[in-house]
Amino acid sequence: MDEALRVVDDFAPEHLLIVAADAESLSTRVRNAGAIFVGPYATVPLGDYTAGPNHTLPTGGAARYASPLGVHTFLKRTSVLNLSRGDLQHLRDATVRLAALEGLGAHAHAVDVRLE
């Protein structure tokens, strides 16, 4: 079964049906599938139309890096960064180094000027 799960994760199917005595346990080990149907009564049409998921699933192996379309697709997120002077000092060297590698001297200066 381990080999089968490796194949599934490599293939990253749009739909995965698991019908086995330990189907629920096996389903928790799958990382890459658009939708997982567990047991003999969880059929694709129910998942597509009436039981909850939806028909907009990643195809062509895209389940390795993409999720099904869902409400989270339409949520807007914002990142918030709140650091102390000590945090800035701790991250200064790595930040200045990365800014230099990218040729963004003003980024490095923005860090250093705050520590003057």
Protein backbone atom coordinates (compact mmCIF):
# COMPACT_ATOMS: atom_id res chain seq x y z
CA MET A 1 0.00 0.00 0.00
CA ASP A 2 2.93 2.35 0.64
CA GLU A 3 3.97 2.07 -3.00
CA ALA A 4 0.40 2.79 -4.15
CA LEU A 5 0.31 5.94 -2.00
CA ARG A 6 3.64 7.08 -3.46
CA VAL A 7 2.23 6.62 -6.97
CA VAL A 8 -0.90 8.57 -6.02
CA ASP A 9 1.13 11.46 -4.62
CA ASP A 10 3.36 11.53 -7.71
CA PHE A 11 0.37 11.41 -10.07
CA ALA A 12 -1.65 13.95 -8.03
CA PRO A 13 -5.06 12.94 -9.40
CA GLU A 14 -8.02 15.26 -9.74
CA HIS A 15 -10.26 12.61 -8.14
CA LEU A 16 -9.04 9.79 -5.88
CA LEU A 17 -11.41 7.04 -4.77
CA ILE A 18 -10.22 4.85 -1.89
CA VAL A 19 -12.29 1.72 -1.34
CA ALA A 20 -10.47 -0.47 1.17
CA ALA A 21 -11.00 -1.82 4.67
CA ASP A 22 -8.82 0.98 6.06
CA ALA A 23 -9.88 3.66 3.56
CA GLU A 24 -10.20 6.44 6.13
CA SER A 25 -6.74 5.78 7.54
CA LEU A 26 -5.25 5.61 4.05
CA SER A 27 -6.89 8.90 3.06
CA THR A 28 -4.98 10.74 5.80
CA ARG A 29 -1.71 9.69 4.17
CA VAL A 30 -2.49 11.24 0.77
CA ARG A 31 -0.86 14.63 0.22
CA ASN A 32 -1.60 15.30 -3.45
CA ALA A 33 -5.15 14.87 -4.73
CA GLY A 34 -7.79 17.37 -5.77
CA ALA A 35 -10.56 15.51 -3.94
CA ILE A 36 -10.44 12.25 -2.00
CA PHE A 37 -13.53 10.03 -1.93
CA VAL A 38 -13.40 7.62 1.01
CA GLY A 39 -15.35 4.36 0.97
CA PRO A 40 -17.82 2.78 -1.45
CA TYR A 41 -20.55 5.40 -1.01
CA ALA A 42 -18.49 8.54 -1.61
CA THR A 43 -18.82 8.82 -5.38
CA VAL A 44 -17.45 11.51 -7.68
CA PRO A 45 -20.88 12.83 -8.77
CA LEU A 46 -21.80 13.52 -5.14
CA GLY A 47 -18.55 15.41 -4.65
CA ASP A 48 -19.03 17.36 -7.86
CA TYR A 49 -22.65 18.31 -7.34
CA THR A 50 -24.21 17.81 -3.93
CA ALA A 51 -22.05 16.59 -1.02
CA GLY A 52 -19.82 19.58 -0.41
CA PRO A 53 -16.59 19.83 -2.39
CA ASN A 54 -17.11 21.04 -5.96
CA HIS A 55 -16.23 20.25 -9.54
CA THR A 56 -13.46 22.84 -9.84
CA LEU A 57 -10.45 20.70 -8.94
CA PRO A 58 -6.80 20.92 -10.00
CA THR A 59 -6.20 18.73 -13.06
CA GLY A 60 -3.14 17.43 -14.88
CA GLY A 61 -1.20 16.71 -11.69
CA ALA A 62 -1.65 20.28 -10.45
CA ALA A 63 -2.81 18.92 -7.08
CA ARG A 64 0.91 18.69 -6.24
CA TYR A 65 0.94 22.48 -5.80
CA ALA A 66 -2.64 23.78 -6.10
CA SER A 67 -5.87 23.42 -4.15
CA PRO A 68 -9.44 23.04 -5.32
CA LEU A 69 -11.37 26.23 -5.96
CA GLY A 70 -13.20 27.19 -2.80
CA VAL A 71 -14.23 30.08 -0.61
CA HIS A 72 -10.59 30.60 0.44
CA THR A 73 -9.73 31.37 -3.18
CA PHE A 74 -11.75 34.56 -2.89
CA LEU A 75 -10.54 35.70 0.52
CA LYS A 76 -8.07 38.55 0.66
CA ARG A 77 -5.25 38.21 3.15
CA THR A 78 -2.82 40.82 4.43
CA SER A 79 0.57 40.29 6.03
CA VAL A 80 1.38 42.34 9.14
CA LEU A 81 4.94 42.79 10.40
CA ASN A 82 5.57 44.29 13.84
CA LEU A 83 9.21 44.14 14.98
CA SER A 84 11.24 45.57 17.82
CA ARG A 85 14.60 47.29 17.42
CA GLY A 86 16.18 44.06 18.70
CA ASP A 87 14.39 42.07 16.02
CA LEU A 88 15.70 44.49 13.39
CA GLN A 89 19.23 44.19 14.75
CA HIS A 90 18.95 40.40 14.72
CA LEU A 91 17.79 40.32 11.09
CA ARG A 92 19.99 43.18 9.84
CA ASP A 93 22.94 41.23 8.42
CA ALA A 94 20.87 38.70 6.49
CA THR A 95 18.55 41.41 5.17
CA VAL A 96 21.37 43.68 4.03
CA ARG A 97 23.14 40.73 2.39
CA LEU A 98 20.00 39.69 0.48
CA ALA A 99 19.31 43.29 -0.56
CA ALA A 100 22.86 43.55 -1.91
CA LEU A 101 22.49 40.30 -3.86
CA GLU A 102 19.34 41.67 -5.47
CA GLY A 103 21.02 45.00 -6.21
CA LEU A 104 18.58 46.86 -3.96
CA GLY A 105 20.85 49.21 -2.05
CA ALA A 106 17.93 51.34 -0.85
CA HIS A 107 16.51 48.30 0.93
CA ALA A 108 19.78 47.83 2.80
CA HIS A 109 19.86 51.55 3.60
CA ALA A 110 16.27 51.40 4.93
CA VAL A 111 17.45 48.88 7.50
CA ASP A 112 20.65 50.65 8.46
CA VAL A 113 19.11 54.12 8.80
CA ARG A 114 16.67 52.76 11.41
CA LEU A 115 19.59 51.47 13.48
CA GLU A 116 21.52 54.79 13.51
